[in-house]
Amino acid sequence: MPGTRNMLIGAAMAFGGIAISVLISVLLAQAGYAVAAWGLVLVGIIQFVVGLFQWINYLSMGPNARADHHLKVDVRILLRSMIAVAAADGVLRDSEVYVIELITKSFIGQALSRDTILGVFETMKGKDYSIHDELERVSNQVSPDGAAMAIKAASMVAMADGDFSEPERLEISRMANLLKLSDQQIKEYIGDARSSINRLLDAQDRARAAEPLEETNSPPRGPETPQGSI
């Protein structure tokens, strides 16, 4: 639920500041000193209040607004998890961009353009393409279906170039843990992804074969020229 993380962190900082102040003051009492960590307390109170307003705002939403909020979070995590995994081995290949386009169309009914995908890729460079911090912030706002969808989609992207590399496996495992998925769920979703990516690419191959005279920007299956590199 939005705001809960900020409230917990804020409360911990405020009480921690008070506890530190009391402890140090007791230790230095004989020397006539008193210390107060008011800065830490103030920052904690501010963060708690911010979280409280976020929580109240969420509770004031109607059912449709809440559903829309969770859908937006799910879609954002879906896209960013796919790009994080695609970049985990140092490059973003044509085949991976292509599969991200196919997956977004399959999962949310709308394909993202190549430019949009590359744009998100560029904005994620500053954090080394990691979404770990973001997942820690919003994991309690991602729906169970959204978490499953993100891990399946990320696994499909990792398998798109025919090489499910160790860095990609580790990245998917880390994201799944942050989404609070069990080992059994991770194994199940990766298995589903393996079947799904084969069906998806086979369907695209058949569609291209049925229209041999039409030009296509779709790259062939397998390793491709990188679109970007770390």
Protein backbone atom coordinates (compact mmCIF):
# COMPACT_ATOMS: atom_id res chain seq x y z
CA MET A 1 0.00 0.00 0.00
CA PRO A 2 1.42 3.43 -0.90
CA GLY A 3 2.94 5.33 2.01
CA THR A 4 3.50 2.44 4.38
CA ARG A 5 7.21 2.16 3.61
CA ASN A 6 7.76 5.88 4.16
CA MET A 7 5.83 5.75 7.44
CA LEU A 8 7.85 2.79 8.72
CA ILE A 9 11.18 4.32 7.75
CA GLY A 10 10.17 7.72 9.13
CA ALA A 11 9.03 6.27 12.45
CA ALA A 12 12.24 4.22 12.73
CA MET A 13 14.38 7.29 12.09
CA ALA A 14 12.46 9.46 14.57
CA PHE A 15 12.51 6.88 17.37
CA GLY A 16 16.11 6.01 16.51
CA GLY A 17 17.09 9.66 16.84
CA ILE A 18 15.38 9.91 20.21
CA ALA A 19 17.00 6.68 21.41
CA ILE A 20 20.46 7.84 20.30
CA SER A 21 19.95 11.18 22.03
CA VAL A 22 18.93 9.54 25.30
CA LEU A 23 21.72 6.97 25.20
CA ILE A 24 24.51 9.45 24.46
CA SER A 25 23.17 11.94 26.99
CA VAL A 26 23.17 9.26 29.70
CA LEU A 27 26.73 8.23 28.80
CA LEU A 28 27.94 11.84 28.85
CA ALA A 29 25.86 13.00 31.82
CA GLN A 30 28.77 12.89 34.24
CA ALA A 31 30.78 15.14 31.95
CA GLY A 32 27.93 17.64 31.84
CA TYR A 33 27.11 17.11 28.17
CA ALA A 34 23.81 16.45 26.51
CA VAL A 35 23.38 15.44 22.88
CA ALA A 36 20.19 15.52 20.84
CA ALA A 37 19.97 14.04 17.34
CA TRP A 38 17.22 16.46 16.37
CA GLY A 39 18.18 16.37 12.69
CA LEU A 40 17.51 12.65 12.47
CA VAL A 41 14.28 13.02 14.41
CA LEU A 42 13.08 15.85 12.16
CA VAL A 43 13.86 13.99 8.95
CA GLY A 44 12.05 10.95 10.31
CA ILE A 45 8.97 12.96 11.21
CA ILE A 46 8.89 14.56 7.75
CA GLN A 47 9.19 11.19 6.01
CA PHE A 48 6.48 9.74 8.24
CA VAL A 49 4.12 12.63 7.42
CA VAL A 50 4.79 12.23 3.69
CA GLY A 51 3.98 8.54 3.94
CA LEU A 52 0.86 9.28 5.98
CA PHE A 53 -0.47 11.61 3.28
CA GLN A 54 0.29 9.01 0.61
CA TRP A 55 -1.57 6.38 2.62
CA ILE A 56 -4.58 8.64 3.24
CA ASN A 57 -4.68 9.61 -0.44
CA TYR A 58 -4.71 5.93 -1.42
CA LEU A 59 -7.49 5.09 1.04
CA SER A 60 -9.57 7.97 -0.33
CA MET A 61 -9.46 6.52 -3.85
CA GLY A 62 -12.46 4.71 -5.24
CA PRO A 63 -12.20 1.08 -6.37
CA ASN A 64 -11.61 2.06 -10.00
CA ALA A 65 -8.89 4.56 -9.09
CA ARG A 66 -7.13 1.98 -6.92
CA ALA A 67 -7.27 -0.59 -9.71
CA ASP A 68 -5.87 1.98 -12.14
CA HIS A 69 -3.06 2.82 -9.70
CA HIS A 70 -2.03 -0.82 -9.34
CA LEU A 71 -2.25 -1.37 -13.10
CA LYS A 72 0.12 1.55 -13.72
CA VAL A 73 2.59 0.17 -11.16
CA ASP A 74 2.34 -3.32 -12.72
CA VAL A 75 2.98 -2.03 -16.25
CA ARG A 76 5.91 0.13 -15.13
CA ILE A 77 7.54 -2.77 -13.31
CA LEU A 78 6.84 -5.07 -16.26
CA LEU A 79 8.68 -2.83 -18.72
CA ARG A 80 11.57 -1.89 -16.45
CA SER A 81 12.15 -5.48 -15.31
CA MET A 82 12.43 -6.61 -18.94
CA ILE A 83 14.96 -3.89 -19.74
CA ALA A 84 16.93 -4.55 -16.54
CA VAL A 85 17.32 -8.21 -17.49
CA ALA A 86 18.07 -7.42 -21.14
CA ALA A 87 20.92 -5.15 -20.03
CA ALA A 88 22.21 -7.53 -17.36
CA ASP A 89 24.74 -9.08 -19.75
CA GLY A 90 26.00 -5.68 -20.91
CA VAL A 91 24.09 -5.21 -24.16
CA LEU A 92 20.58 -4.64 -25.48
CA ARG A 93 20.21 -6.70 -28.63
CA ASP A 94 17.81 -6.31 -31.55
CA SER A 95 16.18 -9.63 -30.67
CA GLU A 96 15.60 -8.48 -27.09
CA VAL A 97 14.06 -5.16 -28.15
CA TYR A 98 11.85 -7.06 -30.58
CA VAL A 99 10.69 -9.49 -27.89
CA ILE A 100 9.95 -6.62 -25.49
CA GLU A 101 7.70 -5.16 -28.21
CA LEU A 102 5.92 -8.51 -28.65
CA ILE A 103 5.55 -9.13 -24.91
CA THR A 104 4.07 -5.72 -24.13
CA LYS A 105 1.56 -6.21 -26.93
CA SER A 106 0.73 -9.71 -25.69
CA PHE A 107 0.51 -8.82 -21.99
CA ILE A 108 -1.05 -5.34 -22.02
CA GLY A 109 -2.61 -5.20 -25.47
CA GLN A 110 -0.38 -2.41 -26.75
CA ALA A 111 3.08 -2.68 -28.26
CA LEU A 112 5.62 -0.10 -27.17
CA SER A 113 7.67 1.47 -29.94
CA ARG A 114 11.35 0.70 -30.33
CA ASP A 115 12.15 4.35 -29.58
CA THR A 116 10.20 4.18 -26.31
CA ILE A 117 12.02 1.03 -25.23
CA LEU A 118 15.42 2.49 -26.08
CA GLY A 119 14.45 5.70 -24.29
CA VAL A 120 13.71 3.81 -21.06
CA PHE A 121 16.96 1.90 -21.56
CA GLU A 122 18.86 5.21 -21.67
CA THR A 123 17.14 6.61 -18.56
CA MET A 124 18.07 3.48 -16.62
CA LYS A 125 21.78 3.88 -17.39
CA GLY A 126 22.26 6.14 -14.37
CA LYS A 127 21.39 3.26 -12.04
CA ASP A 128 23.27 0.61 -14.02
CA TYR A 129 19.91 -0.61 -15.34
CA SER A 130 18.94 -1.77 -11.86
CA ILE A 131 15.39 -1.55 -10.53
CA HIS A 132 16.21 -3.02 -7.12
CA ASP A 133 15.60 0.25 -5.25
CA GLU A 134 12.34 0.78 -7.07
CA LEU A 135 11.14 -2.74 -6.31
CA GLU A 136 11.90 -2.23 -2.63
CA ARG A 137 9.75 0.92 -2.69
CA VAL A 138 6.75 -0.45 -4.59
CA SER A 139 6.80 -4.21 -3.99
CA ASN A 140 3.74 -3.93 -1.72
CA GLN A 141 1.90 -2.09 -4.51
CA VAL A 142 2.56 -4.69 -7.21
CA SER A 143 -0.32 -7.11 -7.59
CA PRO A 144 0.35 -10.89 -7.46
CA ASP A 145 -0.52 -11.11 -11.15
CA GLY A 146 1.77 -8.15 -11.85
CA ALA A 147 4.68 -9.80 -10.04
CA ALA A 148 4.16 -13.06 -11.94
CA MET A 149 3.87 -11.16 -15.22
CA ALA A 150 7.10 -9.22 -14.58
CA ILE A 151 9.16 -12.34 -13.83
CA LYS A 152 7.71 -14.29 -16.76
CA ALA A 153 8.29 -11.38 -19.14
CA ALA A 154 11.83 -10.76 -17.88
CA SER A 155 12.64 -14.46 -18.31
CA MET A 156 11.23 -14.43 -21.84
CA VAL A 157 13.47 -11.49 -22.74
CA ALA A 158 16.49 -13.26 -21.24
CA MET A 159 15.78 -16.31 -23.40
CA ALA A 160 15.10 -14.31 -26.58
CA ASP A 161 18.68 -14.42 -27.89
CA GLY A 162 19.03 -18.14 -27.26
CA ASP A 163 21.39 -17.68 -24.31
CA PHE A 164 19.90 -17.58 -20.80
CA SER A 165 23.09 -16.24 -19.23
CA GLU A 166 24.13 -16.42 -15.59
CA PRO A 167 23.94 -12.61 -15.06
CA GLU A 168 20.39 -12.70 -16.40
CA ARG A 169 19.46 -15.59 -14.11
CA LEU A 170 20.87 -13.76 -11.10
CA GLU A 171 19.04 -10.56 -11.98
CA ILE A 172 15.72 -12.40 -12.32
CA SER A 173 16.28 -14.19 -9.01
CA ARG A 174 17.06 -10.90 -7.25
CA MET A 175 13.96 -9.21 -8.67
CA ALA A 176 11.76 -12.18 -7.77
CA ASN A 177 13.03 -12.11 -4.19
CA LEU A 178 12.29 -8.38 -3.92
CA LEU A 179 8.78 -9.14 -5.20
CA LYS A 180 8.51 -11.70 -2.37
CA LEU A 181 8.07 -14.70 -4.65
CA SER A 182 8.91 -18.18 -3.42
CA ASP A 183 11.51 -20.44 -5.02
CA GLN A 184 8.70 -22.65 -6.30
CA GLN A 185 6.97 -19.68 -7.93
CA ILE A 186 10.22 -18.53 -9.54
CA LYS A 187 10.82 -22.00 -10.97
CA GLU A 188 7.23 -22.18 -12.24
CA TYR A 189 7.31 -18.74 -13.89
CA ILE A 190 10.64 -19.42 -15.61
CA GLY A 191 9.24 -22.70 -16.93
CA ASP A 192 6.15 -20.88 -18.21
CA ALA A 193 8.39 -18.28 -19.82
CA ARG A 194 10.35 -20.92 -21.70
CA SER A 195 7.17 -22.32 -23.24
CA SER A 196 5.72 -18.88 -23.91
CA ILE A 197 8.77 -17.44 -25.69
CA ASN A 198 8.93 -20.46 -27.99
CA ARG A 199 5.24 -20.14 -28.86
CA LEU A 200 5.51 -16.38 -29.35
CA LEU A 201 8.53 -16.53 -31.65
CA ASP A 202 7.15 -19.51 -33.57
CA ALA A 203 3.91 -17.61 -34.18
CA GLN A 204 5.87 -14.60 -35.46
CA ASP A 205 7.97 -16.84 -37.71
CA ARG A 206 4.81 -18.36 -39.22
CA ALA A 207 3.28 -14.91 -39.69
CA ARG A 208 6.37 -13.67 -41.53
CA ALA A 209 6.51 -16.81 -43.67
CA ALA A 210 2.87 -16.29 -44.67
CA GLU A 211 3.67 -12.80 -45.98
CA PRO A 212 6.99 -13.21 -47.83
CA LEU A 213 6.57 -10.16 -50.00
CA GLU A 214 6.08 -7.68 -47.18
CA GLU A 215 9.04 -5.94 -45.62
CA THR A 216 9.52 -6.37 -41.92
CA ASN A 217 11.68 -4.74 -39.31
CA SER A 218 11.54 -7.82 -37.15
CA PRO A 219 15.03 -9.23 -36.53
CA PRO A 220 15.75 -12.93 -36.96
CA ARG A 221 15.91 -15.16 -33.91
CA GLY A 222 19.22 -15.59 -32.18
CA PRO A 223 22.10 -13.31 -31.16
CA GLU A 224 21.98 -9.88 -32.74
CA THR A 225 23.88 -6.65 -33.01
CA PRO A 226 23.68 -4.71 -29.73
CA GLN A 227 21.44 -1.63 -29.60
CA GLY A 228 23.28 -0.30 -26.56
CA SER A 229 26.06 -1.26 -24.24
CA ILE A 230 27.14 -0.57 -20.72
